[in-house]
């Protein structure tokens, strides 16, 4: 039996990842990005250490149900006040390494969830 996710056409899906890149719909991206079902935007951030309130506020402006933060090759947690900013807005926040974030995003998109993946590529 062959199993595969049924993704509505026109939605963004992670199709690969590796050191220094992620692929969305088979297009390689080597910059930090924010991915939603219908948009891909370069995330103007220098790296994990520079995460600030303005970065999270830009994500909240997109009005997702859930934000998945992919922190690069290793799992790192943002400062507590940044996480509180998201949860205070009534939005779920999941933090994981970027590979796990890509896989989780794909599962939630398949469930028709309004999810946003903020992925740090390193």
N, C-alpha and C. Protein backbone atom coordinates (compact mmCIF):
# COMPACT_ATOMS: atom_id res chain seq x y z
N UNK A 1 0.85 -1.17 0.00
CA UNK A 1 0.00 0.00 0.00
C UNK A 1 0.90 1.24 0.00
N UNK A 2 0.57 2.18 -0.85
CA UNK A 2 1.33 3.42 -0.92
C UNK A 2 0.55 4.51 -0.21
N UNK A 3 1.20 5.19 0.73
CA UNK A 3 0.57 6.28 1.46
C UNK A 3 1.25 7.58 1.10
N UNK A 4 0.47 8.61 0.93
CA UNK A 4 1.04 9.95 0.71
C UNK A 4 0.04 10.99 1.16
N UNK A 5 0.56 12.16 1.51
CA UNK A 5 -0.29 13.26 1.93
C UNK A 5 -1.07 13.79 0.74
N UNK A 6 -2.32 14.11 0.96
CA UNK A 6 -3.13 14.75 -0.08
C UNK A 6 -3.13 16.24 0.19
N UNK A 7 -2.32 16.97 -0.56
CA UNK A 7 -2.19 18.41 -0.38
C UNK A 7 -2.94 19.10 -1.51
N UNK A 8 -3.85 20.00 -1.18
CA UNK A 8 -4.52 20.75 -2.24
C UNK A 8 -3.50 21.48 -3.12
N UNK A 9 -3.75 21.48 -4.41
CA UNK A 9 -2.80 22.13 -5.31
C UNK A 9 -2.71 23.62 -5.00
N UNK A 10 -1.56 24.19 -5.29
CA UNK A 10 -1.35 25.61 -5.05
C UNK A 10 -0.85 25.93 -3.66
N UNK A 11 -0.73 24.94 -2.78
CA UNK A 11 -0.22 25.20 -1.44
C UNK A 11 1.26 24.88 -1.36
N UNK A 12 1.95 25.63 -0.53
CA UNK A 12 3.38 25.41 -0.36
C UNK A 12 3.63 24.19 0.52
N UNK A 13 4.60 23.40 0.11
CA UNK A 13 4.94 22.17 0.81
C UNK A 13 6.46 22.04 0.81
N UNK A 14 7.04 21.70 1.95
CA UNK A 14 8.47 21.44 1.99
C UNK A 14 8.73 20.12 1.29
N UNK A 15 9.64 20.13 0.33
CA UNK A 15 9.96 18.93 -0.43
C UNK A 15 11.40 18.48 -0.22
N UNK A 16 12.16 19.22 0.57
CA UNK A 16 13.53 18.82 0.87
C UNK A 16 14.18 19.79 1.83
N UNK A 17 15.27 19.34 2.44
CA UNK A 17 16.05 20.19 3.33
C UNK A 17 17.42 19.56 3.51
N UNK A 18 18.36 20.38 3.86
CA UNK A 18 19.72 19.90 4.10
C UNK A 18 20.55 21.05 4.64
N UNK A 19 21.84 20.82 4.80
CA UNK A 19 22.71 21.90 5.32
C UNK A 19 22.66 23.12 4.40
N UNK A 20 22.18 24.24 4.94
CA UNK A 20 22.18 25.49 4.20
C UNK A 20 21.02 25.72 3.25
N UNK A 21 19.99 24.87 3.29
CA UNK A 21 18.85 25.10 2.39
C UNK A 21 17.60 24.35 2.85
N UNK A 22 16.47 24.81 2.36
CA UNK A 22 15.22 24.06 2.37
C UNK A 22 14.66 24.16 0.95
N UNK A 23 13.84 23.20 0.57
CA UNK A 23 13.19 23.24 -0.73
C UNK A 23 11.69 23.29 -0.51
N UNK A 24 11.04 24.19 -1.21
CA UNK A 24 9.59 24.32 -1.14
C UNK A 24 9.07 24.15 -2.56
N UNK A 25 8.18 23.18 -2.72
CA UNK A 25 7.65 22.84 -4.06
C UNK A 25 8.80 22.65 -5.05
N UNK A 26 9.85 21.99 -4.58
CA UNK A 26 11.03 21.63 -5.38
C UNK A 26 11.89 22.83 -5.77
N UNK A 27 11.69 23.97 -5.14
CA UNK A 27 12.53 25.15 -5.37
C UNK A 27 13.40 25.36 -4.13
N UNK A 28 14.69 25.44 -4.35
CA UNK A 28 15.65 25.54 -3.25
C UNK A 28 15.74 26.97 -2.73
N UNK A 29 15.75 27.12 -1.39
CA UNK A 29 15.88 28.42 -0.72
C UNK A 29 17.03 28.32 0.27
N UNK A 30 17.94 29.30 0.21
CA UNK A 30 19.09 29.26 1.11
C UNK A 30 19.12 30.44 2.07
N UNK A 31 18.00 31.13 2.20
CA UNK A 31 17.86 32.24 3.15
C UNK A 31 16.80 31.86 4.19
N UNK A 32 16.81 32.57 5.32
CA UNK A 32 15.75 32.38 6.32
C UNK A 32 14.43 32.76 5.67
N UNK A 33 13.38 31.97 5.91
CA UNK A 33 12.11 32.22 5.24
C UNK A 33 10.92 32.04 6.17
N UNK A 34 9.83 32.64 5.75
CA UNK A 34 8.53 32.45 6.40
C UNK A 34 7.62 31.85 5.33
N UNK A 35 7.02 30.71 5.66
CA UNK A 35 6.21 29.98 4.70
C UNK A 35 4.80 29.81 5.24
N UNK A 36 3.82 30.15 4.41
CA UNK A 36 2.41 29.89 4.69
C UNK A 36 1.88 29.09 3.51
N UNK A 37 0.65 28.66 3.59
CA UNK A 37 0.07 27.86 2.52
C UNK A 37 0.16 28.55 1.17
N UNK A 38 0.01 29.88 1.18
CA UNK A 38 -0.05 30.61 -0.09
C UNK A 38 1.04 31.65 -0.27
N UNK A 39 2.07 31.64 0.58
CA UNK A 39 3.12 32.65 0.43
C UNK A 39 4.46 32.13 0.96
N UNK A 40 5.52 32.65 0.35
CA UNK A 40 6.89 32.40 0.80
C UNK A 40 7.57 33.76 0.84
N UNK A 41 8.10 34.13 2.00
CA UNK A 41 8.73 35.43 2.16
C UNK A 41 10.09 35.26 2.81
N UNK A 42 11.09 35.96 2.29
CA UNK A 42 12.38 35.94 2.96
C UNK A 42 12.23 36.61 4.31
N UNK A 43 12.79 35.98 5.35
CA UNK A 43 12.69 36.51 6.72
C UNK A 43 13.95 37.31 6.98
N UNK A 44 13.79 38.59 7.12
CA UNK A 44 14.92 39.50 7.29
C UNK A 44 15.45 39.42 8.72
N UNK A 45 16.30 38.44 8.94
CA UNK A 45 16.89 38.21 10.26
C UNK A 45 18.31 37.71 10.06
N UNK A 46 19.22 38.14 10.90
CA UNK A 46 20.62 37.71 10.77
C UNK A 46 20.84 36.29 11.26
N UNK A 47 20.08 35.88 12.26
CA UNK A 47 20.24 34.55 12.83
C UNK A 47 19.48 34.44 14.14
N UNK A 48 19.53 33.27 14.73
CA UNK A 48 18.77 33.00 15.95
C UNK A 48 19.06 34.01 17.05
N UNK A 49 20.32 34.35 17.23
CA UNK A 49 20.71 35.24 18.33
C UNK A 49 20.08 36.62 18.23
N UNK A 50 19.67 37.01 17.02
CA UNK A 50 19.12 38.36 16.82
C UNK A 50 17.59 38.38 16.86
N UNK A 51 16.95 37.25 17.16
CA UNK A 51 15.49 37.23 17.23
C UNK A 51 15.00 38.27 18.23
N UNK A 52 14.05 39.09 17.80
CA UNK A 52 13.50 40.11 18.67
C UNK A 52 12.00 40.23 18.52
N UNK A 53 11.41 41.10 19.28
CA UNK A 53 9.96 41.28 19.27
C UNK A 53 9.46 41.65 17.87
N UNK A 54 10.18 42.49 17.15
CA UNK A 54 9.74 42.90 15.81
C UNK A 54 9.63 41.71 14.87
N UNK A 55 10.52 40.73 15.00
CA UNK A 55 10.45 39.53 14.16
C UNK A 55 9.17 38.74 14.45
N UNK A 56 8.85 38.60 15.71
CA UNK A 56 7.64 37.85 16.08
C UNK A 56 6.38 38.64 15.74
N UNK A 57 6.41 39.94 15.89
CA UNK A 57 5.24 40.76 15.54
C UNK A 57 4.94 40.67 14.04
N UNK A 58 5.98 40.56 13.21
CA UNK A 58 5.74 40.41 11.77
C UNK A 58 5.06 39.07 11.47
N UNK A 59 5.36 38.05 12.26
CA UNK A 59 4.68 36.76 12.08
C UNK A 59 3.23 36.85 12.54
N UNK A 60 2.99 37.51 13.66
CA UNK A 60 1.63 37.64 14.19
C UNK A 60 0.73 38.42 13.24
N UNK A 61 1.31 39.36 12.50
CA UNK A 61 0.52 40.16 11.55
C UNK A 61 -0.11 39.30 10.46
N UNK A 62 0.44 38.10 10.24
CA UNK A 62 -0.11 37.19 9.22
C UNK A 62 -1.29 36.37 9.74
N UNK A 63 -1.59 36.49 11.01
CA UNK A 63 -2.75 35.88 11.68
C UNK A 63 -2.84 34.35 11.52
N UNK A 64 -1.76 33.65 11.87
CA UNK A 64 -1.83 32.18 11.82
C UNK A 64 -2.51 31.63 13.06
N UNK A 65 -2.89 30.35 13.02
CA UNK A 65 -3.34 29.63 14.22
C UNK A 65 -2.13 29.15 15.01
N UNK A 66 -1.10 28.75 14.25
CA UNK A 66 0.09 28.15 14.84
C UNK A 66 1.32 28.70 14.13
N UNK A 67 2.34 29.05 14.91
CA UNK A 67 3.64 29.41 14.36
C UNK A 67 4.60 28.28 14.72
N UNK A 68 5.26 27.76 13.69
CA UNK A 68 6.31 26.77 13.91
C UNK A 68 7.63 27.49 13.68
N UNK A 69 8.45 27.54 14.70
CA UNK A 69 9.75 28.18 14.60
C UNK A 69 10.81 27.11 14.44
N UNK A 70 11.43 27.08 13.27
CA UNK A 70 12.54 26.17 13.01
C UNK A 70 13.84 26.89 13.31
N UNK A 71 14.57 26.42 14.31
CA UNK A 71 15.72 27.17 14.83
C UNK A 71 17.05 26.76 14.21
N UNK A 72 17.04 26.17 13.04
CA UNK A 72 18.27 25.76 12.39
C UNK A 72 18.57 24.30 12.65
N UNK A 73 19.86 23.96 12.60
CA UNK A 73 20.27 22.56 12.73
C UNK A 73 20.03 22.00 14.13
N UNK A 74 19.97 22.86 15.13
CA UNK A 74 19.76 22.40 16.50
C UNK A 74 18.55 23.10 17.12
N UNK A 75 17.94 22.43 18.07
CA UNK A 75 16.81 23.00 18.80
C UNK A 75 17.33 24.04 19.79
N UNK A 76 16.80 25.25 19.66
CA UNK A 76 17.12 26.33 20.60
C UNK A 76 15.80 27.04 20.91
N UNK A 77 15.64 27.49 22.12
CA UNK A 77 14.40 28.15 22.50
C UNK A 77 14.59 29.67 22.54
N UNK A 78 13.61 30.41 22.00
CA UNK A 78 13.70 31.88 22.06
C UNK A 78 13.52 32.35 23.50
N UNK A 79 13.92 33.58 23.73
CA UNK A 79 13.75 34.16 25.07
C UNK A 79 12.27 34.07 25.49
N UNK A 80 12.00 33.83 26.76
CA UNK A 80 10.62 33.66 27.22
C UNK A 80 9.69 34.82 26.85
N UNK A 81 10.19 36.05 26.88
CA UNK A 81 9.31 37.18 26.55
C UNK A 81 8.87 37.15 25.10
N UNK A 82 9.66 36.55 24.22
CA UNK A 82 9.27 36.44 22.81
C UNK A 82 8.19 35.37 22.64
N UNK A 83 8.35 34.26 23.34
CA UNK A 83 7.33 33.22 23.29
C UNK A 83 6.01 33.73 23.87
N UNK A 84 6.09 34.50 24.95
CA UNK A 84 4.87 35.05 25.56
C UNK A 84 4.15 35.99 24.61
N UNK A 85 4.88 36.70 23.79
CA UNK A 85 4.29 37.61 22.81
C UNK A 85 3.34 36.85 21.88
N UNK A 86 3.76 35.68 21.45
CA UNK A 86 2.95 34.86 20.55
C UNK A 86 1.75 34.26 21.29
N UNK A 87 2.00 33.66 22.43
CA UNK A 87 0.91 33.00 23.15
C UNK A 87 -0.12 34.01 23.68
N UNK A 88 0.32 35.22 24.02
CA UNK A 88 -0.61 36.26 24.48
C UNK A 88 -1.57 36.67 23.37
N UNK A 89 -1.17 36.47 22.13
CA UNK A 89 -2.04 36.78 20.99
C UNK A 89 -3.00 35.63 20.68
N UNK A 90 -2.95 34.56 21.49
CA UNK A 90 -3.83 33.42 21.28
C UNK A 90 -3.39 32.51 20.14
N UNK A 91 -2.09 32.57 19.83
CA UNK A 91 -1.54 31.78 18.73
C UNK A 91 -0.60 30.74 19.32
N UNK A 92 -0.70 29.52 18.82
CA UNK A 92 0.19 28.46 19.28
C UNK A 92 1.60 28.67 18.76
N UNK A 93 2.59 28.28 19.55
CA UNK A 93 3.98 28.37 19.15
C UNK A 93 4.64 27.03 19.41
N UNK A 94 5.22 26.46 18.37
CA UNK A 94 5.99 25.23 18.49
C UNK A 94 7.40 25.53 18.03
N UNK A 95 8.37 25.15 18.83
CA UNK A 95 9.78 25.42 18.53
C UNK A 95 10.47 24.07 18.35
N UNK A 96 11.22 23.95 17.24
CA UNK A 96 11.93 22.70 16.96
C UNK A 96 13.07 23.00 15.98
N UNK A 97 13.93 22.03 15.76
CA UNK A 97 14.96 22.25 14.75
C UNK A 97 14.27 22.38 13.39
N UNK A 98 14.97 22.94 12.43
CA UNK A 98 14.33 23.27 11.15
C UNK A 98 13.86 22.05 10.37
N UNK A 99 14.57 20.93 10.45
CA UNK A 99 14.12 19.71 9.75
C UNK A 99 12.78 19.25 10.30
N UNK A 100 12.66 19.19 11.62
CA UNK A 100 11.40 18.78 12.24
C UNK A 100 10.30 19.80 11.94
N UNK A 101 10.66 21.08 11.89
CA UNK A 101 9.67 22.12 11.59
C UNK A 101 9.10 21.94 10.19
N UNK A 102 9.94 21.60 9.24
CA UNK A 102 9.47 21.37 7.86
C UNK A 102 8.48 20.20 7.82
N UNK A 103 8.82 19.12 8.47
CA UNK A 103 7.93 17.94 8.49
C UNK A 103 6.61 18.26 9.19
N UNK A 104 6.68 18.96 10.31
CA UNK A 104 5.47 19.29 11.07
C UNK A 104 4.56 20.23 10.28
N UNK A 105 5.16 21.21 9.63
CA UNK A 105 4.39 22.13 8.77
C UNK A 105 3.60 21.33 7.72
N UNK A 106 4.28 20.40 7.05
CA UNK A 106 3.60 19.61 6.00
C UNK A 106 2.40 18.85 6.55
N UNK A 107 2.55 18.28 7.73
CA UNK A 107 1.44 17.54 8.34
C UNK A 107 0.28 18.48 8.65
N UNK A 108 0.57 19.64 9.22
CA UNK A 108 -0.50 20.58 9.59
C UNK A 108 -1.18 21.18 8.35
N UNK A 109 -0.43 21.42 7.29
CA UNK A 109 -1.04 21.90 6.04
C UNK A 109 -1.99 20.84 5.49
N UNK A 110 -1.60 19.57 5.58
CA UNK A 110 -2.46 18.48 5.10
C UNK A 110 -3.76 18.41 5.90
N UNK A 111 -3.73 18.89 7.14
CA UNK A 111 -4.92 18.92 7.99
C UNK A 111 -5.71 20.22 7.81
N UNK A 112 -5.31 21.04 6.82
CA UNK A 112 -5.97 22.33 6.52
C UNK A 112 -5.87 23.31 7.68
N UNK A 113 -4.78 23.24 8.43
CA UNK A 113 -4.56 24.18 9.53
C UNK A 113 -3.94 25.45 8.97
N UNK A 114 -4.20 26.57 9.62
CA UNK A 114 -3.61 27.85 9.22
C UNK A 114 -2.28 28.00 9.96
N UNK A 115 -1.25 27.42 9.36
CA UNK A 115 0.05 27.33 10.00
C UNK A 115 1.05 28.20 9.27
N UNK A 116 2.01 28.68 10.01
CA UNK A 116 3.08 29.51 9.48
C UNK A 116 4.40 28.90 9.96
N UNK A 117 5.32 28.67 9.04
CA UNK A 117 6.64 28.14 9.40
C UNK A 117 7.67 29.26 9.23
N UNK A 118 8.35 29.60 10.30
CA UNK A 118 9.44 30.57 10.28
C UNK A 118 10.71 29.74 10.42
N UNK A 119 11.47 29.64 9.32
CA UNK A 119 12.57 28.70 9.25
C UNK A 119 13.91 29.43 9.16
N UNK A 120 14.79 29.10 10.11
CA UNK A 120 16.16 29.58 10.05
C UNK A 120 16.99 28.54 9.32
N UNK A 121 17.68 28.98 8.28
CA UNK A 121 18.49 28.09 7.46
C UNK A 121 19.95 28.32 7.82
N UNK A 122 20.61 27.23 8.27
CA UNK A 122 22.04 27.36 8.56
C UNK A 122 22.79 26.10 8.17
